[in-house]
Protein backbone atom coordinates (compact mmCIF):
# COMPACT_ATOMS: atom_id res chain seq x y z
CA MET A 1 89.81 -59.46 160.85
CA PRO A 2 90.63 -55.73 160.65
CA VAL A 3 93.02 -54.90 157.84
CA THR A 4 93.25 -51.10 157.84
CA GLY A 5 94.44 -48.85 160.65
CA LEU A 6 93.38 -45.19 160.84
CA PHE A 7 96.28 -43.37 162.47
CA CYS A 8 95.12 -39.93 163.61
CA CYS A 9 97.18 -36.96 164.77
CA THR A 10 97.15 -33.17 164.89
CA THR A 11 100.03 -31.03 163.66
CA GLU A 12 100.67 -27.28 163.51
CA PHE A 13 102.04 -25.14 160.67
CA THR A 14 103.53 -21.81 161.78
CA TYR A 15 104.28 -18.76 159.65
CA GLN A 16 105.80 -15.29 159.96
CA ARG A 17 103.49 -12.65 158.51
CA ARG A 18 103.19 -8.86 158.71
CA HIS A 19 99.39 -9.24 158.83
CA PRO A 20 98.86 -12.55 160.70
CA ARG A 21 95.09 -12.16 161.11
CA ALA A 22 94.61 -13.04 157.44
CA ILE A 23 95.82 -16.53 158.35
CA GLY A 24 94.83 -16.88 161.99
CA PHE A 25 96.51 -18.17 165.11
CA THR A 26 97.29 -21.55 166.63
CA ASN A 27 98.53 -20.89 170.13
CA SER A 28 99.57 -18.31 172.71
CA VAL A 29 103.12 -18.65 174.02
CA ASN A 30 105.17 -16.98 176.73
CA SER A 31 107.66 -14.52 175.20
CA GLY A 32 109.49 -13.41 178.36
CA ARG A 33 108.94 -10.48 180.72
CA ASP A 34 108.68 -6.76 180.14
CA LYS A 35 110.60 -4.06 182.03
CA GLU A 36 108.14 -4.24 184.91
CA GLY A 37 108.62 -8.02 185.21
CA ARG A 38 105.20 -8.90 183.81
CA LEU A 39 104.88 -11.95 181.57
CA ARG A 40 104.36 -11.20 177.92
CA HIS A 41 102.41 -13.43 175.56
CA HIS A 42 102.13 -13.47 171.81
CA ALA A 43 99.87 -15.43 169.50
CA VAL A 44 101.53 -17.79 167.01
CA CYS A 45 100.42 -17.29 163.40
CA GLY A 46 99.50 -20.48 161.56
CA ILE A 47 96.98 -23.22 160.85
CA LEU A 48 96.30 -26.60 162.45
CA MET A 49 95.69 -29.84 160.58
CA HIS A 50 94.08 -32.99 161.93
CA SER A 51 94.66 -35.94 159.60
CA SER A 52 93.75 -39.62 159.47
CA LEU A 53 96.27 -41.79 157.62
CA ALA A 54 95.05 -45.20 156.44
CA VAL A 55 97.72 -47.89 156.87
CA THR A 56 97.64 -51.67 156.32
CA VAL A 57 98.73 -54.09 159.03
CA GLU A 58 101.95 -54.57 157.05
CA GLY A 59 102.71 -50.85 157.43
CA LEU A 60 101.88 -49.70 153.88
CA PRO A 61 100.21 -46.25 153.85
CA LEU A 62 97.12 -46.13 151.65
CA GLY A 63 96.54 -42.37 151.82
CA LEU A 64 94.62 -39.83 153.87
CA ALA A 65 91.11 -40.92 154.77
CA ALA A 66 90.13 -37.56 156.30
CA VAL A 67 91.67 -34.17 157.01
CA LYS A 68 90.50 -31.02 158.78
CA PHE A 69 92.10 -27.53 158.84
CA TRP A 70 91.31 -24.81 161.37
CA ASN A 71 92.82 -22.07 163.53
CA ARG A 72 92.04 -20.25 166.75
CA ASP A 73 91.22 -16.64 167.52
CA LYS A 74 90.58 -16.52 171.29
CA PHE A 75 93.14 -17.23 174.02
CA ARG A 76 92.36 -14.83 176.84
CA GLY A 77 90.18 -16.04 179.66
CA THR A 78 90.41 -19.76 178.89
CA ALA A 79 92.23 -20.58 182.14
CA ALA A 80 89.69 -18.62 184.19
CA LEU A 81 86.85 -20.31 182.31
CA LYS A 82 88.19 -23.76 183.21
CA ARG A 83 88.06 -22.80 186.89
CA LYS A 84 84.35 -22.04 186.55
CA ILE A 85 83.26 -24.82 184.19
CA ASN A 86 84.27 -28.48 184.40
CA PRO A 87 85.50 -29.32 180.86
CA THR A 88 84.19 -32.89 181.16
CA ARG A 89 80.65 -31.52 181.43
CA VAL A 90 80.88 -29.49 178.23
CA PRO A 91 79.24 -31.29 175.25
CA ILE A 92 81.76 -32.67 172.78
CA GLU A 93 80.07 -30.70 169.98
CA GLN A 94 81.23 -27.46 171.63
CA LYS A 95 84.86 -28.59 171.92
CA GLU A 96 87.76 -28.56 169.51
CA SER A 97 88.19 -32.28 170.19
CA VAL A 98 85.05 -32.99 168.14
CA ARG A 99 87.51 -33.21 165.22
CA TRP A 100 88.36 -36.77 166.32
CA LEU A 101 84.72 -37.79 165.85
CA GLU A 102 84.34 -35.91 162.55
CA ASN A 103 87.45 -37.52 161.05
CA LEU A 104 86.33 -40.95 162.17
CA ARG A 105 82.94 -40.52 160.48
CA GLN A 106 84.54 -39.25 157.26
CA SER A 107 87.11 -42.05 157.22
CA ILE A 108 84.54 -44.82 157.69
CA GLU A 109 82.28 -43.29 155.04
CA ARG A 110 85.17 -43.09 152.57
CA LEU A 111 86.70 -46.51 153.24
CA GLY A 112 83.54 -48.53 153.87
CA ARG A 113 83.61 -51.86 155.74
CA PRO A 114 83.80 -50.29 159.23
CA ASP A 115 84.25 -53.76 160.75
CA ARG A 116 87.67 -53.98 159.03
CA CYS A 117 88.96 -50.60 160.27
CA VAL A 118 90.77 -49.77 163.51
CA HIS A 119 91.17 -46.22 164.81
CA VAL A 120 94.62 -45.91 166.43
CA GLY A 121 95.29 -42.84 168.54
CA ASP A 122 97.58 -41.42 171.20
CA ARG A 123 96.47 -40.10 174.60
CA GLU A 124 94.91 -37.02 173.01
CA SER A 125 92.18 -39.25 171.54
CA ASP A 126 91.26 -40.80 174.90
CA ILE A 127 87.68 -39.50 174.51
CA PHE A 128 84.69 -41.45 175.79
CA GLU A 129 82.44 -40.02 173.06
CA LEU A 130 84.85 -41.50 170.49
CA TYR A 131 84.44 -44.94 172.03
CA CYS A 132 80.67 -44.62 171.87
CA LEU A 133 80.85 -43.52 168.24
CA THR A 134 82.90 -46.58 167.25
CA LYS A 135 80.15 -48.75 168.72
CA GLU A 136 77.52 -46.79 166.78
CA LEU A 137 79.47 -47.10 163.51
CA GLY A 138 80.40 -50.74 164.06
CA THR A 139 84.14 -50.10 163.89
CA HIS A 140 87.11 -50.58 166.26
CA PHE A 141 89.76 -48.60 168.13
CA VAL A 142 93.08 -48.98 169.96
CA VAL A 143 93.88 -45.89 172.03
CA ARG A 144 96.56 -45.09 174.57
CA THR A 145 94.77 -43.77 177.64
CA CYS A 146 95.55 -40.82 179.89
CA VAL A 147 92.38 -40.86 182.02
CA ASP A 148 91.94 -43.35 184.85
CA ARG A 149 88.21 -43.86 184.36
CA LEU A 150 85.68 -45.30 186.76
CA ALA A 151 85.10 -49.01 186.26
CA GLY A 152 82.78 -51.81 187.36
CA ASP A 153 80.09 -50.54 189.72
CA GLY A 154 81.77 -47.13 189.99
CA SER A 155 83.48 -47.79 193.31
CA HIS A 156 86.96 -48.12 191.80
CA THR A 157 89.01 -47.14 188.74
CA ILE A 158 90.55 -49.06 185.85
CA SER A 159 94.06 -48.90 187.34
CA ALA A 160 92.81 -50.28 190.66
CA GLU A 161 91.22 -53.26 188.92
CA MET A 162 94.22 -53.85 186.67
CA SER A 163 96.58 -53.85 189.68
CA GLU A 164 95.06 -57.19 190.68
CA VAL A 165 95.62 -58.78 187.25
CA ASP A 166 98.59 -61.12 186.90
CA ALA A 167 100.98 -60.81 183.94
CA ALA A 168 99.99 -63.10 181.07
CA GLY A 169 103.47 -63.05 179.56
CA GLN A 170 106.24 -60.80 178.32
CA HIS A 171 106.95 -58.93 175.11
CA ILE A 172 110.47 -57.98 174.02
CA ILE A 173 111.01 -54.63 172.29
CA GLU A 174 114.11 -52.72 171.20
CA VAL A 175 114.81 -49.18 172.43
CA ARG A 176 117.77 -46.82 172.33
CA ASN A 177 119.47 -45.87 175.58
CA ASP A 178 121.12 -42.53 176.36
CA ALA A 179 124.30 -43.68 174.62
CA GLY A 180 122.38 -44.34 171.40
CA GLU A 181 122.76 -48.10 171.71
CA VAL A 182 119.89 -50.45 170.87
CA VAL A 183 118.93 -52.56 173.88
CA GLU A 184 116.20 -55.12 174.44
CA VAL A 185 113.52 -54.42 177.04
CA ALA A 186 111.02 -56.96 178.40
CA LEU A 187 107.50 -55.67 179.06
CA ASP A 188 105.00 -57.42 181.32
CA ILE A 189 101.68 -57.87 179.49
CA ARG A 190 98.38 -57.70 181.36
CA PHE A 191 94.90 -57.56 179.87
CA LYS A 192 91.31 -57.80 181.05
CA GLN A 193 87.84 -56.93 179.83
CA ILE A 194 86.39 -54.26 182.11
CA ARG A 195 83.11 -52.35 182.24
CA VAL A 196 84.16 -48.73 181.76
CA LEU A 197 81.87 -45.93 182.94
CA PRO A 198 81.41 -42.54 181.22
CA PRO A 199 82.47 -39.31 182.98
CA ILE A 200 80.21 -38.45 185.92
CA GLY A 201 78.81 -35.38 184.19
CA LYS A 202 77.82 -37.42 181.10
CA GLN A 203 76.47 -40.64 182.59
CA LYS A 204 72.91 -39.72 181.64
CA ARG A 205 73.88 -39.27 177.99
CA TYR A 206 76.32 -42.12 177.36
CA PRO A 207 76.16 -45.83 178.34
CA SER A 208 78.82 -47.90 180.05
CA LEU A 209 81.02 -49.92 177.70
CA ASP A 210 82.65 -53.33 178.00
CA LEU A 211 86.22 -52.67 176.83
CA THR A 212 89.54 -54.51 176.95
CA VAL A 213 92.35 -52.87 178.91
CA ILE A 214 95.94 -53.78 177.95
CA HIS A 215 98.92 -52.78 180.07
CA ALA A 216 102.49 -53.21 178.78
CA VAL A 217 104.81 -52.11 181.57
CA GLU A 218 108.53 -52.40 182.17
CA PRO A 219 108.74 -54.22 185.54
CA ASN A 220 111.71 -52.25 186.90
CA ALA A 221 112.49 -48.57 186.46
CA PRO A 222 115.74 -48.27 184.45
CA LYS A 223 118.47 -45.72 185.08
CA GLY A 224 118.75 -42.73 182.79
CA ARG A 225 115.30 -42.89 181.17
CA LYS A 226 111.63 -43.18 181.98
CA ARG A 227 110.07 -46.56 182.47
CA ILE A 228 108.10 -47.74 179.45
CA GLU A 229 104.45 -47.88 180.40
CA TRP A 230 101.76 -48.26 177.75
CA LYS A 231 98.13 -48.40 178.85
CA LEU A 232 95.84 -49.18 175.94
CA LEU A 233 92.08 -49.42 175.61
CA THR A 234 90.29 -51.29 172.81
CA ASN A 235 86.88 -52.67 171.93
CA LEU A 236 88.50 -55.63 170.16
CA PRO A 237 88.43 -59.01 171.92
CA VAL A 238 91.68 -60.15 173.49
CA GLU A 239 91.82 -63.77 174.60
CA SER A 240 95.57 -64.41 174.78
CA CYS A 241 98.92 -62.72 175.31
CA ALA A 242 99.62 -63.01 171.58
CA GLU A 243 96.45 -61.08 170.75
CA ALA A 244 97.38 -58.41 173.31
CA VAL A 245 100.86 -58.08 171.74
CA GLU A 246 99.23 -57.73 168.32
CA LYS A 247 97.24 -54.68 169.54
CA ILE A 248 100.42 -53.23 171.07
CA GLN A 249 102.22 -53.62 167.74
CA TRP A 250 99.36 -51.86 165.97
CA TYR A 251 99.72 -48.94 168.37
CA ALA A 252 103.50 -48.92 167.87
CA MET A 253 102.93 -48.37 164.13
CA ARG A 254 101.35 -45.01 164.96
CA TRP A 255 104.76 -43.35 164.39
CA LYS A 256 104.06 -43.57 160.65
CA ILE A 257 101.77 -40.55 160.77
CA GLU A 258 104.54 -38.64 162.57
CA VAL A 259 106.86 -39.57 159.69
CA PHE A 260 104.17 -38.39 157.27
CA HIS A 261 104.10 -35.00 159.02
CA LYS A 262 107.91 -34.86 158.97
CA ILE A 263 107.92 -35.35 155.20
CA LEU A 264 105.23 -32.70 154.89
CA LYS A 265 107.24 -30.11 156.81
CA SER A 266 110.87 -31.00 156.05
CA GLY A 267 110.54 -32.54 152.60
CA CYS A 268 107.77 -30.40 151.08
CA ARG A 269 108.72 -27.38 153.23
CA ALA A 270 105.06 -26.58 153.88
CA GLU A 271 106.01 -23.93 156.45
CA ASP A 272 108.13 -22.01 153.90
CA ALA A 273 105.07 -21.08 151.83
CA LYS A 274 104.52 -17.34 151.31
CA LEU A 275 100.75 -17.43 150.70
CA ARG A 276 98.86 -14.86 152.73
CA THR A 277 95.52 -16.44 153.65
CA ALA A 278 94.50 -19.55 155.54
CA ASP A 279 92.40 -20.91 152.66
CA ARG A 280 95.27 -20.70 150.19
CA LEU A 281 97.68 -22.32 152.64
CA ALA A 282 95.19 -25.13 153.33
CA ASN A 283 94.87 -25.79 149.58
CA LEU A 284 98.65 -25.87 149.19
CA VAL A 285 99.15 -28.18 152.17
CA SER A 286 96.46 -30.48 150.72
CA VAL A 287 98.54 -30.87 147.56
CA PHE A 288 101.66 -31.42 149.65
CA CYS A 289 99.80 -34.18 151.51
CA ILE A 290 99.55 -36.14 148.25
CA ILE A 291 103.28 -35.73 147.60
CA SER A 292 104.16 -36.67 151.18
CA TRP A 293 102.00 -39.78 150.97
CA ARG A 294 103.73 -40.80 147.73
CA VAL A 295 107.17 -40.51 149.33
CA LEU A 296 106.10 -42.56 152.37
CA TRP A 297 104.26 -45.05 150.16
CA LEU A 298 107.27 -45.51 147.87
CA THR A 299 109.56 -46.12 150.84
CA MET A 300 107.28 -48.66 152.52
CA LEU A 301 106.15 -50.37 149.29
CA ALA A 302 109.76 -51.17 148.43
CA ARG A 303 110.10 -52.85 151.83
CA THR A 304 106.83 -54.80 151.79
CA SER A 305 106.95 -55.77 148.09
CA PRO A 306 110.59 -55.38 146.92
CA GLU A 307 110.20 -57.80 143.99
CA ALA A 308 107.19 -55.97 142.51
CA PRO A 309 107.58 -54.41 139.04
CA PRO A 310 108.72 -50.77 139.14
CA THR A 311 105.71 -49.66 137.08
CA VAL A 312 103.45 -50.01 140.15
CA ALA A 313 105.10 -46.88 141.59
CA LEU A 314 107.03 -45.13 138.80
CA THR A 315 106.10 -43.97 135.32
CA ASP A 316 107.84 -45.27 132.21
CA ALA A 317 109.50 -41.88 131.75
CA GLU A 318 110.84 -41.91 135.31
CA ILE A 319 112.23 -45.43 134.85
CA VAL A 320 114.01 -44.42 131.61
CA LEU A 321 115.50 -41.33 133.27
CA LEU A 322 116.74 -43.35 136.26
CA ASP A 323 118.47 -45.79 133.89
CA HIS A 324 120.25 -42.86 132.22
CA LEU A 325 121.11 -40.96 135.41
CA VAL A 326 122.21 -43.79 137.74
CA SER A 327 124.34 -46.55 136.27
CA ASP A 328 124.20 -48.98 139.20
CA VAL A 329 122.81 -49.54 142.70
CA GLY A 330 126.14 -49.62 144.52
CA ASP A 331 126.77 -52.59 146.78
CA ARG A 332 123.05 -53.27 147.33
CA LYS A 333 122.24 -56.76 146.10
CA THR A 334 118.95 -56.12 144.30
CA GLN A 335 117.41 -57.88 141.35
CA PRO A 336 117.41 -55.70 138.19
CA GLY A 337 113.96 -54.77 136.96
CA THR A 338 112.38 -54.79 140.42
CA LEU A 339 110.86 -52.00 142.47
CA ILE A 340 113.64 -52.02 145.09
CA PHE A 341 116.22 -51.83 142.26
CA TYR A 342 114.76 -48.57 140.93
CA LEU A 343 113.95 -47.15 144.35
CA THR A 344 117.64 -47.60 145.23
CA LYS A 345 118.53 -45.66 142.09
CA LEU A 346 116.06 -42.95 143.08
CA ALA A 347 117.55 -42.80 146.57
CA ARG A 348 121.06 -42.47 145.13
CA LEU A 349 119.88 -39.31 143.40
CA GLY A 350 119.03 -38.06 146.90
CA GLY A 351 122.43 -38.87 148.40
CA TYR A 352 121.98 -42.51 149.41
CA LEU A 353 125.39 -44.21 149.40
CA ALA A 354 124.03 -47.72 148.77
CA ARG A 355 126.75 -49.51 150.72
CA ALA A 356 126.25 -53.14 151.68
CA ALA A 357 125.97 -52.33 155.39
CA ASP A 358 123.56 -49.39 154.91
CA PRO A 359 119.93 -49.80 155.96
CA PRO A 360 117.24 -49.69 153.25
CA PRO A 361 116.58 -46.25 151.71
CA GLY A 362 114.62 -43.99 154.05
CA ASN A 363 112.14 -41.20 153.49
CA THR A 364 114.73 -38.40 153.47
CA VAL A 365 116.83 -39.72 150.57
CA VAL A 366 113.67 -40.75 148.70
CA TRP A 367 112.12 -37.28 148.86
CA ARG A 368 115.43 -35.67 147.85
CA GLY A 369 115.78 -38.09 144.95
CA LEU A 370 112.16 -37.60 143.88
CA THR A 371 112.64 -33.81 143.94
CA ARG A 372 115.70 -34.05 141.67
CA LEU A 373 114.00 -36.56 139.38
CA THR A 374 110.95 -34.30 138.99
CA ASP A 375 113.12 -31.33 138.03
CA ILE A 376 115.12 -33.43 135.56
CA LYS A 377 111.94 -34.90 134.07
CA LEU A 378 110.50 -31.40 133.59
CA GLY A 379 113.72 -30.27 131.88
CA ALA A 380 113.66 -33.32 129.60
CA GLU A 381 110.05 -32.60 128.61
CA ILE A 382 110.88 -28.97 127.80
CA ALA A 383 113.94 -30.02 125.79
CA GLY A 384 111.85 -32.56 123.88
CA LYS A 385 109.28 -29.95 122.91
CA GLN A 386 112.00 -27.59 121.71
CA ASN A 387 113.52 -30.33 119.54
CA VAL A 388 110.14 -31.02 118.00
CA GLY A 389 109.73 -27.29 117.27
CA ASN A 390 113.09 -27.18 115.52
């Protein structure tokens, strides 16, 4: 039974620099028209990061299993090149998307037990070479697809075959409507094992694969928002509707890596750094990744193991300071001496009101509280040294 999910995603860090070439570029964007009406483009200064966050099935982040930094330097002519060369015929080794394969290899090598790991990715990771690599490494994947691949004997596609599959059941999820209200939505669940063919230009290099296709679709299009339609592909066996829902829930946990990136940018303010080269920025962001993981880990650990002792996440000095700084935990009914008790105190340092009706402390108040606690701890250490000197 797989116990660790590898949630992969790419994010971009942008900077304003007088000499941007020392850092590099990430993208070319439209910046309006000149006096003659011609479109103007400018390259965005920054670096890109592709990360793989290891998460348990309970939602507890274990840390980064792999990370890759890079930037781009060529933008002109790419559209014209695509008209001449079919991108699906270009070897994966010559593409930027090879990062998905590299991170998967690094993650499996670092974690070990590939049979207990599941790569979870959005539509950007719908790469046939990735599926072949998971088979080679003996690991698993759950990916949301964007390509309607050829299936069976090659005379039809996956969507055509799935259109003949009856719903095996329904799964209820909660979403917010345009008014911000939480409403329940029923999704029809369909699944089937299908022989999936590689792209036409790569059929001599890669074999066909027997994969499970899972469709979770809202039966009727609602008013005011898009219909929910998740099309997943996995090499894990699915024999029942419950097992299909389990894979859907694993994919739904993918938002955790987005939260990780939010902490990295908003909490650690990685894009406010003034360093002038890409290597120095990458080193700084790497340190921020550790801090961001700790904030996310603290938040989720308090929810999965609230009765654990506080020493599993906080130092003795931090616990003593929290006892001095925060006298109580408000109206939150928590057991003194537990992890959730001290995390609530930490969150109160970050502005958490701790009312009875408030949800559990989130990442924002935790990172604010941790920032204040770190500054106070540093001041206490300096004051202690001065007292010793006197």
